[in-house]
Amino acid sequence: MWKPGLRAVGLCLLVILPLACSGGGSGSAPGQQARMAEVPTTLSVTDRRIDTFAQAFVSLKKVTLESDGTRRVLFEDAAGVPINLLELSGEKRPLSVAALPPGTYTVTVTLDNSVTLVEDDGTVHTGHFGNAATLTVPVTGQITVNDSSREVVLDFNARSFDFDDTSGKVTPQIQLVSAGAGLPFHNKFTGRVVDVQDDQTFTFRLEHGTTVITVTLLPGAVVFDEASGQTGSTTALLAPDQN
């Protein structure tokens, strides 16, 4: 069973600015998209609390966006990023940032075939999404990317997973969280601190990929170090090269 190997720092009420982007492949003609100002767009994952299972592990491999016949990769990891969906309740976990032209996109998610479900009593169910090595899932809804809407949030909606205990097959349902949903999320980052500028600002490299973001703590922000249990309202708990 996968467990995170890095300390995670939970942060609330943030301004997040990407410094570098990974992914973002395009099938457009040369120069076609260059005439449009691209928008740095963050991919985050979330879920809602459920009572059916205590843990639900999946492995995310790729997230592709398509608009007007052009496909762009927002996230890709050949080995797959393991995620415990039920740890995402009430939080958004940023995974990557990529530059996208403004527009309305449909979203497709590629998952590893295997899924692990754990009941409250510790009973483990090893399931699968299908017969192939991976499963490509069209996400319900569309997302609009522009200067005022710079985030794609995937809700794995684990409470709607259909698990057949006889065959072990799991049917996933993934949906988009609209920008105006107003849900009580906080952002949770896992990775490495690159630099601490001052008591309110630091740069951070996400665990998966090369994306570096600048984080500015707003009034009322809380910094929580899961390893030590300490909390603070400034960057005092952080240090360069800290996991």
Protein backbone atom coordinates (compact mmCIF):
# COMPACT_ATOMS: atom_id res chain seq x y z
CA MET A 1 0.00 0.00 0.00
CA TRP A 2 1.38 3.37 -0.95
CA LYS A 3 2.10 5.95 1.69
CA PRO A 4 3.48 9.46 1.03
CA GLY A 5 7.23 9.66 1.58
CA LEU A 6 7.52 13.42 1.85
CA ARG A 7 6.31 15.73 4.54
CA ALA A 8 3.32 17.73 3.45
CA VAL A 9 2.73 21.35 4.36
CA GLY A 10 -0.93 22.35 4.49
CA LEU A 11 -1.68 25.99 3.64
CA CYS A 12 -4.92 27.95 3.70
CA LEU A 13 -5.87 31.22 1.94
CA LEU A 14 -3.04 31.55 -0.56
CA VAL A 15 -2.10 33.47 -3.66
CA ILE A 16 -0.31 31.03 -5.98
CA LEU A 17 1.76 32.14 -8.97
CA PRO A 18 3.48 29.59 -11.25
CA LEU A 19 7.12 30.25 -12.13
CA ALA A 20 7.80 27.29 -14.40
CA CYS A 21 5.60 24.86 -16.25
CA SER A 22 5.83 21.20 -17.19
CA GLY A 23 3.78 19.26 -19.73
CA GLY A 24 1.58 21.28 -22.06
CA GLY A 25 2.12 19.37 -25.31
CA SER A 26 0.10 20.62 -28.27
CA GLY A 27 -1.01 19.30 -31.62
CA SER A 28 -1.65 22.74 -33.15
CA ALA A 29 0.09 24.16 -36.19
CA PRO A 30 3.28 26.19 -35.52
CA GLY A 31 2.45 29.73 -34.48
CA GLN A 32 -1.29 29.10 -34.32
CA GLN A 33 -1.53 29.22 -30.53
CA ALA A 34 1.39 31.63 -30.16
CA ARG A 35 -0.87 34.50 -31.23
CA MET A 36 -2.99 33.92 -28.13
CA ALA A 37 -1.82 34.90 -24.66
CA GLU A 38 -1.49 31.61 -22.78
CA VAL A 39 -2.79 31.31 -19.23
CA PRO A 40 -0.78 29.44 -16.54
CA THR A 41 -3.32 26.83 -15.44
CA THR A 42 -3.12 24.70 -12.30
CA LEU A 43 -4.34 21.10 -12.16
CA SER A 44 -5.67 20.07 -8.73
CA VAL A 45 -7.43 16.94 -7.46
CA THR A 46 -10.04 16.63 -4.71
CA ASP A 47 -12.75 14.35 -3.35
CA ARG A 48 -15.59 14.36 -0.82
CA ARG A 49 -15.85 12.42 2.42
CA ILE A 50 -17.62 9.05 2.14
CA ASP A 51 -18.61 6.33 4.60
CA THR A 52 -18.30 3.31 2.28
CA PHE A 53 -14.51 2.94 2.50
CA ALA A 54 -11.75 4.25 4.76
CA GLN A 55 -9.18 4.50 1.96
CA ALA A 56 -9.25 4.39 -1.84
CA PHE A 57 -5.94 4.31 -3.75
CA VAL A 58 -5.68 5.07 -7.47
CA SER A 59 -2.74 5.95 -9.73
CA LEU A 60 -3.10 9.00 -11.99
CA LYS A 61 -1.05 8.91 -15.21
CA LYS A 62 -2.28 11.65 -17.52
CA VAL A 63 -4.73 14.54 -17.85
CA THR A 64 -5.48 15.80 -21.36
CA LEU A 65 -7.56 18.83 -22.37
CA GLU A 66 -9.14 19.25 -25.81
CA SER A 67 -10.58 22.33 -27.52
CA ASP A 68 -11.51 22.72 -31.20
CA GLY A 69 -9.76 19.47 -32.07
CA THR A 70 -6.48 20.43 -30.38
CA ARG A 71 -5.26 18.28 -27.48
CA ARG A 72 -2.94 19.59 -24.79
CA VAL A 73 -1.38 17.66 -21.91
CA LEU A 74 -1.90 19.32 -18.53
CA PHE A 75 -0.29 16.50 -16.53
CA GLU A 76 1.64 13.32 -17.34
CA ASP A 77 3.60 10.80 -15.27
CA ALA A 78 4.48 7.52 -16.99
CA ALA A 79 4.87 5.66 -13.68
CA GLY A 80 1.63 7.08 -12.30
CA VAL A 81 1.11 9.27 -9.24
CA PRO A 82 -0.47 7.26 -6.36
CA ILE A 83 -3.32 9.12 -4.65
CA ASN A 84 -5.41 8.15 -1.63
CA LEU A 85 -8.67 9.76 -2.72
CA LEU A 86 -10.14 9.82 0.77
CA GLU A 87 -7.27 11.98 2.03
CA LEU A 88 -8.51 14.68 -0.34
CA SER A 89 -11.72 15.41 1.55
CA GLY A 90 -11.98 19.17 1.99
CA GLU A 91 -8.74 19.92 0.17
CA LYS A 92 -7.38 20.60 -3.28
CA ARG A 93 -4.00 19.05 -4.05
CA PRO A 94 -2.15 20.85 -6.88
CA LEU A 95 -0.23 18.47 -9.16
CA SER A 96 1.03 20.60 -12.04
CA VAL A 97 0.90 23.91 -13.90
CA ALA A 98 0.87 24.28 -17.69
CA ALA A 99 0.33 27.23 -20.05
CA LEU A 100 -2.94 26.94 -21.98
CA PRO A 101 -4.61 29.21 -24.54
CA PRO A 102 -7.89 30.69 -23.24
CA GLY A 103 -10.88 28.61 -24.25
CA THR A 104 -13.39 25.96 -23.25
CA TYR A 105 -12.01 22.45 -22.87
CA THR A 106 -13.19 18.90 -22.38
CA VAL A 107 -11.03 16.83 -20.04
CA THR A 108 -9.83 13.22 -20.24
CA VAL A 109 -8.11 11.37 -17.38
CA THR A 110 -5.89 8.29 -17.74
CA LEU A 111 -5.60 6.00 -14.70
CA ASP A 112 -3.63 2.86 -13.99
CA ASN A 113 -5.95 -0.14 -14.12
CA SER A 114 -5.49 -1.13 -10.47
CA VAL A 115 -7.42 0.32 -7.54
CA THR A 116 -7.23 -0.57 -3.83
CA LEU A 117 -10.20 -0.07 -1.50
CA VAL A 118 -9.86 -0.41 2.29
CA GLU A 119 -12.86 -0.77 4.61
CA ASP A 120 -13.04 0.70 8.12
CA ASP A 121 -12.20 -2.69 9.65
CA GLY A 122 -9.02 -2.96 7.54
CA THR A 123 -10.42 -5.35 4.94
CA VAL A 124 -8.60 -4.71 1.64
CA HIS A 125 -10.25 -5.11 -1.76
CA THR A 126 -7.94 -5.15 -4.79
CA GLY A 127 -9.97 -4.11 -7.79
CA HIS A 128 -9.47 -3.00 -11.37
CA PHE A 129 -11.01 -0.46 -13.71
CA GLY A 130 -10.98 -2.69 -16.78
CA ASN A 131 -9.04 -5.29 -18.73
CA ALA A 132 -6.35 -3.03 -20.22
CA ALA A 133 -3.26 -1.74 -18.41
CA THR A 134 -4.77 1.74 -18.22
CA LEU A 135 -8.23 3.28 -18.31
CA THR A 136 -9.07 6.54 -20.08
CA VAL A 137 -12.05 8.32 -18.53
CA PRO A 138 -13.90 11.26 -20.12
CA VAL A 139 -14.63 13.75 -17.34
CA THR A 140 -18.18 15.03 -16.93
CA GLY A 141 -18.59 18.67 -17.96
CA GLN A 142 -16.32 21.30 -19.52
CA ILE A 143 -13.86 23.83 -18.13
CA THR A 144 -13.26 27.40 -19.29
CA VAL A 145 -9.71 28.75 -19.01
CA ASN A 146 -9.09 32.51 -19.02
CA ASP A 147 -7.37 35.22 -16.96
CA SER A 148 -9.97 34.92 -14.19
CA SER A 149 -10.27 31.12 -14.29
CA ARG A 150 -6.85 29.49 -14.07
CA GLU A 151 -7.52 26.17 -12.40
CA VAL A 152 -8.77 22.73 -13.41
CA VAL A 153 -10.08 20.85 -10.35
CA LEU A 154 -10.92 17.16 -10.75
CA ASP A 155 -13.36 15.67 -8.23
CA PHE A 156 -12.85 11.90 -8.23
CA ASN A 157 -16.22 11.50 -6.52
CA ALA A 158 -15.21 8.22 -4.86
CA ARG A 159 -18.61 7.90 -3.21
CA SER A 160 -20.02 7.24 -6.69
CA PHE A 161 -17.48 4.51 -7.50
CA ASP A 162 -19.37 1.34 -8.41
CA PHE A 163 -17.47 -1.64 -6.95
CA ASP A 164 -18.50 -5.15 -8.00
CA ASP A 165 -17.29 -7.40 -5.17
CA THR A 166 -17.61 -10.52 -7.35
CA SER A 167 -15.59 -9.42 -10.37
CA GLY A 168 -13.48 -6.79 -8.61
CA LYS A 169 -14.36 -4.23 -11.28
CA VAL A 170 -14.63 -0.59 -10.26
CA THR A 171 -16.44 1.95 -12.42
CA PRO A 172 -15.13 5.47 -11.69
CA GLN A 173 -16.98 8.75 -12.09
CA ILE A 174 -14.86 11.89 -12.30
CA GLN A 175 -16.29 15.39 -12.56
CA LEU A 176 -15.07 18.97 -12.77
CA VAL A 177 -15.47 21.41 -9.89
CA SER A 178 -16.74 24.71 -11.29
CA ALA A 179 -14.87 27.91 -10.44
CA GLY A 180 -17.89 29.31 -8.61
CA ALA A 181 -18.67 26.21 -6.57
CA GLY A 182 -17.59 27.93 -3.35
CA LEU A 183 -16.66 24.65 -1.66
CA PRO A 184 -14.65 24.80 1.60
CA PHE A 185 -11.34 23.66 0.13
CA HIS A 186 -7.83 24.40 1.31
CA ASN A 187 -4.75 23.84 -0.82
CA LYS A 188 -2.30 21.13 0.18
CA PHE A 189 1.16 20.94 -1.37
CA THR A 190 3.66 18.09 -1.28
CA GLY A 191 7.19 18.68 -2.51
CA ARG A 192 10.27 20.74 -1.69
CA VAL A 193 10.78 24.36 -0.64
CA VAL A 194 13.08 26.09 -3.14
CA ASP A 195 13.56 29.42 -1.37
CA VAL A 196 12.03 31.58 1.37
CA GLN A 197 11.82 35.23 0.27
CA ASP A 198 10.38 36.75 3.45
CA ASP A 199 7.99 35.90 6.28
CA GLN A 200 5.01 35.73 3.90
CA THR A 201 6.42 34.47 0.58
CA PHE A 202 8.28 31.37 -0.58
CA THR A 203 8.83 29.30 -3.72
CA PHE A 204 7.97 25.62 -3.86
CA ARG A 205 8.60 22.75 -6.31
CA LEU A 206 5.71 20.29 -6.53
CA GLU A 207 6.60 16.68 -5.76
CA HIS A 208 5.70 15.37 -9.20
CA GLY A 209 7.29 17.19 -12.14
CA THR A 210 9.33 20.39 -12.38
CA THR A 211 6.64 22.96 -11.62
CA VAL A 212 7.81 25.74 -9.29
CA ILE A 213 5.25 28.08 -7.74
CA THR A 214 5.41 31.22 -5.62
CA VAL A 215 3.17 31.11 -2.55
CA THR A 216 2.15 34.27 -0.68
CA LEU A 217 0.43 33.85 2.68
CA LEU A 218 -2.62 36.08 3.08
CA PRO A 219 -3.99 37.35 6.42
CA GLY A 220 -5.48 34.42 8.31
CA ALA A 221 -3.30 31.84 6.55
CA VAL A 222 -2.18 28.80 8.54
CA VAL A 223 1.02 26.85 7.85
CA PHE A 224 0.89 23.30 9.23
CA ASP A 225 3.88 20.95 9.32
CA GLU A 226 2.46 17.42 9.44
CA ALA A 227 5.78 15.94 10.59
CA SER A 228 6.12 18.04 13.74
CA GLY A 229 2.50 19.02 14.30
CA GLN A 230 3.52 22.67 14.54
CA THR A 231 1.46 25.49 13.06
CA GLY A 232 2.24 29.10 12.27
CA SER A 233 1.09 32.13 10.31
CA THR A 234 4.42 32.94 8.63
CA THR A 235 7.16 31.08 6.76
CA ALA A 236 9.14 30.52 9.97
CA LEU A 237 8.52 26.74 9.78
CA LEU A 238 9.99 26.57 6.28
CA ALA A 239 13.57 26.37 5.02
CA PRO A 240 15.18 26.01 1.56
CA ASP A 241 15.50 22.40 0.37
CA GLN A 242 13.02 21.25 3.03
CA ASN A 243 10.61 18.46 2.05
